Amino acid sequence: MALPDTAPLLVGLLLIFHALGAWAIVEVNMEDKVEVMAGDTAQITCMFTTDEGLGGTTIQWFYVLPNKKRQRIYNKEPMHEAAEQNTPFTDRISLNVTGTAAVLVIRDVGVKDNLEFICVIKTITPEEAEGRTKLQVFKSPTFPTIEAVERGVSVNEEDPSKIGSCSVKNGYPKPNITWYRNNMPLRITPDEVDLKSSITIESSGLYSVQSELRMKVKKEDKDAKFYCEVLYFVPGATKMTESQHINITVYYPPTEVNIWVESPKGKIKEGDTLELRCENNGNYPSSITTIKHQNSGSSVENNKMVRTNVTRLDGGVYECTFTETDNFEEISGSTKVLVNYLESAVITPKDSITVMEEEELKASCNALSSLQTDITWFKNEKLVSKGNSLSVKSATFETAGMYKCVVTVPEMEGMKTSGTLQVNVKGSPQILGPGVQEVETYETTVNLNCSARGFPAPTIMWTTSDGKNLNALQTETEDGAQSVVTFKITSSVKVFCNASNDFGSKVVEFNIKAILNTILTTITSMPTISTTTRSTTTISNDTVVHTTPTTTTTTSTNAITDDTVIYNTSTTNTTIPSTNITFINDTVQTPTKSPNIKKESKGFVIAIIIIAILLLAILGSVLYFLYKKGRICGRSGKQDFSKRKSSKDNIVVEMKSDNTEEAILLGVNGEKQQPNDQ
């Protein structure tokens, strides 16, 4: 190597400089500190100057131990350089020399590298110089975590209560924690605010910090937001991290208690369900709420009271009391409840009143109520008066009846009561209808109705013009009495309805005209005509007998005997209802029900029937005579009468009922004839 050849030369030069007394000048410049984040690479620069140049310069690096001693970690001589073995930096350091700058490179810096480093520059001459730089390593801590106290905090606590804790881990240098309440920092205040912190140095050399906040809370703190702020350092700057915000439960006694009616809304009436609720502006957990009705003394240990079907007795003052079980302090509030009522209607006079006819009627109706009322009077569901008084100056029988007084409360729907008053009017009876009534009838039995008003209820008696008393059924009505009589008549008669009471009597006359079905039967005596045919007609002394055989065992026979006509009919495979007409003493009677006949047309109808019967009888006789003489249908008088169709040659008699005026066409053989067969 070249070192043995140059060594004598260097020694010689050193002796020459020493002999001459000329020494080299060496200067070193370094930064006070170098900042770096943990895990990064640090570069510490050593700037130096020397008159000898680099050829004879030796560069050495040291770090200061905790005991202030130095430990060499790197050595560079003109012909050799290397890191010192068995140091914390052996495998992580290197040296870069450029001109007059020697840069120590430390890789993967850790917090334990937070040391002071020394750069020493030596020359061939005994002169040397050194510089120092402090390496500062930084590590950002974790995000802060905050925890609020789980249980609530009471404002009555004598000492500051724990609010929460805040912690941050693995930071370097040591992070700082500051507490805030609603964005205002909290400082230690005796007996008010207390901050306690604990610091932990991890095995890695990093710092973990925990802070606990204690303070005396107030009611306002129930809405306060608490959080912590962590302040930590980075190269060339300071950073801050804010935790989440927390809210705590603050227990505080109430300063006010409120009680109110939850339902019903608005006014309360008897029969409603009453619900009261109570609340206070405190939130103490150990407390008792009691609602009490002062009038009755009833109470419930709850913040709600329900009373069903209330009455006015349920009104009054309700008090709600809040009691702390810790110190048994009480605070209360109250409210007044009014239960509106409407008593039953009271009518004066009670139940009924009796006045004389044409006297003045006076009555009053009232109902005790806690609210304004409206009173109306009704009769037969019709409004007759408004107000509590009912007055009629001159009472009549129309005034009598049942009156209803209705009392309502306009302010509250459903509040209503009512009462009734029976009004009776004394006086002589009045019979409804005219004094004389005409009655015409074709019936043999008559029903007569007589209604009379009056009080006391009239007694109704029925008599006839011949002095006969009639038994009748009498019923009382709202304003009097009614009687119906049923009796048989044989001729026109007068019937009297006599209604009487203590104040007089009234009579109504019923003129009953019995219109009987009288028919003057005038049938001229005709000679008897007999034939040997199977069909025989006989007229003898106002009697006509006609017999027509049928293909069955039944026969059809008409007979008129002594002004009596008996008519029966029967045909093959057909049954026709029999009709019997009987003339007795010029009177026609039929078994069928007599229809009702209009009074103005009865005589006219009877006359038409009589004329029709006479004409049909004459026409039948003429046709029969002509038929026998052979003057009609090309027949001679000797032809067999039984070979003709008797249904076309019969004498037809038309009978009309009085009310329907339907025609019944009767042939001589007794068969009904349709109108198109005439």
Foldseek 3Di string as FASTA:
>chain_A
DCCVVCVVVLVVVQVVCVVVVHDKDKDKDWDAAWEDEAQAKTKTKIFMDIPVFDQFKKKWKWWADPVRDIDTQWIDGNVDIAGDPPDPQRPAWDWDDDGRMIMIMGGRDAQVQQTKMKMKMQGSHRDIDMDIYGYHYWYDWDAKDKDADPDAAELPDQAWAWGIKIKIWFTPPEKDKWKDKQNHTDDDDPRAKDKDKDWDQDPRRGIMMMITITGRDDPVLQPIWMWMKIWGDHVPDIDIHIYDIDGHHYFYDFPDKDKDWPDDPDAAAAQAKTKMFMDTPGDHPQKWKKKAAVQVGDIDGDRMDIDGRDHQSSWAKIKIKMAHPVVRDIDIDIDTHGYKYKAAKDKPPPAEDEEEAQAKDKMFIDIDIPADKWKFKDFPNHTDDTDGMDMDHGDDLVNFFKMKIKIDHVVDPPHIHMDIYGYAYAAWKDKPDDQEAEAEDQDQKDKDKIDIFHPPAWDKWKAWPVGRTFDWDKDADRGHIMIMGMDGDDAWIKMKIWTGDPHGIGIGIYGYGHDALFADDDDDQDDFDFDPFPWTWGGHDNWIWTWDDAPDPDTWIWIADPNFIQGQDDYPPDHDDGWGWTQDVRGTDTPDDADTADPVCVVVVSVVLNVQQVVLVVVLVVLVVCVLCCVPPNDHNPDRPNPDDQVLNFRWHWDAGRPPRDTFIAGSRRDTDDPVSD
